[in-house]
């Protein structure tokens, strides 16, 4: 049979093969990405949780709620206060008459409020640690060390100290 007599591949079959190849490559890419992500190899972006976050999560629910309310001030909640602070900075940056000193004062005031919140959390936590027996503190230190060694991998999902 001559080359002219051979029928060519139909267009729909070519498109089907191209789509199949694309789908296979996508599946391979997803599998490789998942394997790499969950491989457990040491990556710089998986930092251990902050000590402050671990301390806060160790406080009982009522203490955490009270501290958040105090930190919220007249905004009602800590998160609303942080949102309002961000909006205030954006407004200062967009102001036609930019005042660097006023922005600096605003940022300093926000930092002071965060520092006061952190100090209250630390004081409450140290009081909790003070009430523990040496064995309880040692067990807590072991849990804290374990969380830090897990390098932040789902450290908050253990349910311990969570709302």
Protein backbone atom coordinates (compact mmCIF):
# COMPACT_ATOMS: atom_id res chain seq x y z
CA UNK A 1 0.00 0.00 0.00
CA UNK A 2 1.34 3.43 -0.89
CA UNK A 3 1.79 6.28 1.59
CA UNK A 4 -1.06 8.15 -0.06
CA UNK A 5 -3.49 5.35 0.71
CA UNK A 6 -2.95 5.39 4.51
CA UNK A 7 -5.70 7.22 6.35
CA UNK A 8 -4.52 10.04 8.67
CA UNK A 9 -5.36 10.27 12.35
CA UNK A 10 -8.65 12.01 12.89
CA UNK A 11 -8.67 15.41 14.57
CA UNK A 12 -10.87 14.31 17.48
CA UNK A 13 -8.45 11.47 18.23
CA UNK A 14 -5.48 13.87 18.25
CA UNK A 15 -7.34 16.18 20.65
CA UNK A 16 -8.26 13.25 22.88
CA UNK A 17 -4.63 12.09 23.07
CA UNK A 18 -3.43 15.65 23.84
CA UNK A 19 -6.04 16.02 26.59
CA UNK A 20 -5.08 12.64 28.04
CA UNK A 21 -1.39 13.61 28.06
CA UNK A 22 -2.19 16.94 29.75
CA UNK A 23 -4.31 15.22 32.40
CA UNK A 24 -1.58 12.64 33.09
CA UNK A 25 1.03 15.39 33.47
CA UNK A 26 -1.26 17.30 35.84
CA UNK A 27 -1.79 14.21 38.02
CA UNK A 28 1.95 13.50 38.08
CA UNK A 29 2.63 17.12 39.03
CA UNK A 30 0.10 17.06 41.86
CA UNK A 31 1.49 13.77 43.19
CA UNK A 32 5.08 15.00 43.01
CA UNK A 33 4.14 18.28 44.70
CA UNK A 34 2.31 16.50 47.50
CA UNK A 35 5.22 14.09 48.00
CA UNK A 36 7.67 16.97 48.19
CA UNK A 37 5.48 19.04 50.52
CA UNK A 38 4.85 16.24 52.98
CA UNK A 39 8.28 14.61 52.70
CA UNK A 40 9.34 15.86 56.11
CA UNK A 41 12.59 17.30 54.83
CA UNK A 42 13.82 20.36 56.67
CA UNK A 43 12.57 23.53 54.99
CA UNK A 44 13.29 27.02 56.23
CA UNK A 45 9.65 28.17 56.09
CA UNK A 46 8.52 25.59 58.63
CA UNK A 47 9.62 27.44 61.70
CA UNK A 48 8.70 26.31 65.17
CA UNK A 49 5.70 28.07 66.66
CA UNK A 50 6.41 31.26 68.54
CA UNK A 51 6.81 30.91 72.27
CA UNK A 52 4.20 33.64 72.72
CA UNK A 53 1.63 31.66 70.73
CA UNK A 54 2.33 28.50 72.72
CA UNK A 55 2.04 30.42 75.98
CA UNK A 56 -1.28 31.97 74.94
CA UNK A 57 -2.72 28.61 73.87
CA UNK A 58 -1.82 27.09 77.24
CA UNK A 59 -4.06 29.55 79.08
CA UNK A 60 -7.61 28.47 79.84
CA UNK A 61 -10.41 29.63 77.56
CA UNK A 62 -11.80 32.24 79.97
CA UNK A 63 -8.39 33.84 80.55
CA UNK A 64 -7.72 34.00 76.80
CA UNK A 65 -11.14 35.55 76.20
CA UNK A 66 -10.62 38.15 78.93
CA UNK A 67 -7.16 39.06 77.61
CA UNK A 68 -8.51 39.43 74.07
CA UNK A 69 -11.29 41.71 75.32
CA UNK A 70 -8.82 43.85 77.25
CA UNK A 71 -6.56 44.03 74.21
CA UNK A 72 -9.49 45.11 72.04
CA UNK A 73 -9.99 48.27 74.06
CA UNK A 74 -12.82 50.46 72.78
CA UNK A 75 -12.90 48.51 69.48
CA UNK A 76 -14.65 45.58 71.13
CA UNK A 77 -12.21 42.87 70.12
CA UNK A 78 -8.52 42.37 69.60
CA UNK A 79 -9.06 41.57 65.91
CA UNK A 80 -11.19 44.67 65.33
CA UNK A 81 -8.53 46.78 67.03
CA UNK A 82 -5.81 45.33 64.79
CA UNK A 83 -7.98 46.00 61.72
CA UNK A 84 -8.57 49.59 62.86
CA UNK A 85 -4.82 50.04 63.42
CA UNK A 86 -4.11 48.88 59.88
CA UNK A 87 -6.74 51.21 58.46
CA UNK A 88 -5.27 54.12 60.43
CA UNK A 89 -1.81 53.46 58.99
CA UNK A 90 -3.20 53.24 55.45
CA UNK A 91 -5.12 56.49 55.94
CA UNK A 92 -1.94 58.20 57.20
CA UNK A 93 -0.01 56.98 54.16
CA UNK A 94 -2.69 58.23 51.76
CA UNK A 95 -3.06 61.58 53.46
CA UNK A 96 -2.34 64.55 51.22
CA UNK A 97 -0.40 66.18 54.02
CA UNK A 98 1.79 63.26 55.11
CA UNK A 99 3.07 63.69 58.66
CA UNK A 100 5.95 61.31 59.35
CA UNK A 101 6.10 62.24 63.04
CA UNK A 102 2.38 61.48 63.48
CA UNK A 103 2.80 58.13 61.71
CA UNK A 104 5.79 57.32 63.90
CA UNK A 105 3.77 58.18 67.03
CA UNK A 106 0.86 56.06 65.82
CA UNK A 107 3.12 53.06 65.21
CA UNK A 108 4.79 53.53 68.59
CA UNK A 109 1.38 53.64 70.29
CA UNK A 110 0.31 50.46 68.49
CA UNK A 111 3.55 48.74 69.51
CA UNK A 112 3.04 49.82 73.12
CA UNK A 113 -0.48 48.33 73.10
CA UNK A 114 0.85 45.04 71.70
CA UNK A 115 3.61 45.01 74.31
CA UNK A 116 1.06 45.56 77.10
CA UNK A 117 -1.02 42.65 75.75
CA UNK A 118 2.02 40.37 75.57
CA UNK A 119 3.04 41.33 79.10
CA UNK A 120 -0.43 40.45 80.44
CA UNK A 121 -0.33 37.09 78.64
CA UNK A 122 3.11 36.36 80.05
CA UNK A 123 2.07 37.34 83.57
CA UNK A 124 -1.00 35.08 83.42
CA UNK A 125 1.06 32.20 82.05
CA UNK A 126 3.84 32.57 84.63
CA UNK A 127 1.17 32.53 87.37
CA UNK A 128 -0.14 29.27 85.90
CA UNK A 129 3.39 27.81 85.82
CA UNK A 130 3.97 28.97 89.40
CA UNK A 131 0.92 27.00 90.57
CA UNK A 132 2.24 23.76 89.03
CA UNK A 133 4.25 21.12 90.79
CA UNK A 134 7.80 20.51 89.55
CA UNK A 135 6.57 17.34 87.81
CA UNK A 136 3.76 19.22 86.04
CA UNK A 137 6.20 21.89 84.88
CA UNK A 138 8.60 19.23 83.62
CA UNK A 139 5.77 17.53 81.71
CA UNK A 140 4.76 20.88 80.26
CA UNK A 141 8.36 21.59 79.24
CA UNK A 142 8.44 18.21 77.47
CA UNK A 143 5.25 19.05 75.53
CA UNK A 144 6.62 22.47 74.63
CA UNK A 145 9.89 20.95 73.44
CA UNK A 146 7.98 18.38 71.38
CA UNK A 147 5.96 21.09 69.67
CA UNK A 148 9.06 23.06 68.83
CA UNK A 149 10.83 19.99 67.44
CA UNK A 150 7.89 19.27 65.15
CA UNK A 151 8.84 22.61 63.57
CA UNK A 152 5.33 23.96 63.50
CA UNK A 153 3.70 21.05 61.67
CA UNK A 154 0.11 21.19 62.89
CA UNK A 155 1.31 22.03 66.41
CA UNK A 156 -1.98 23.78 67.17
CA UNK A 157 -4.18 20.90 65.96
CA UNK A 158 -3.45 18.70 68.95
CA UNK A 159 -6.42 20.30 70.67
CA UNK A 160 -4.37 21.25 73.70
CA UNK A 161 -5.21 24.75 74.81
CA UNK A 162 -7.40 25.53 71.81
CA UNK A 163 -10.76 27.25 71.81
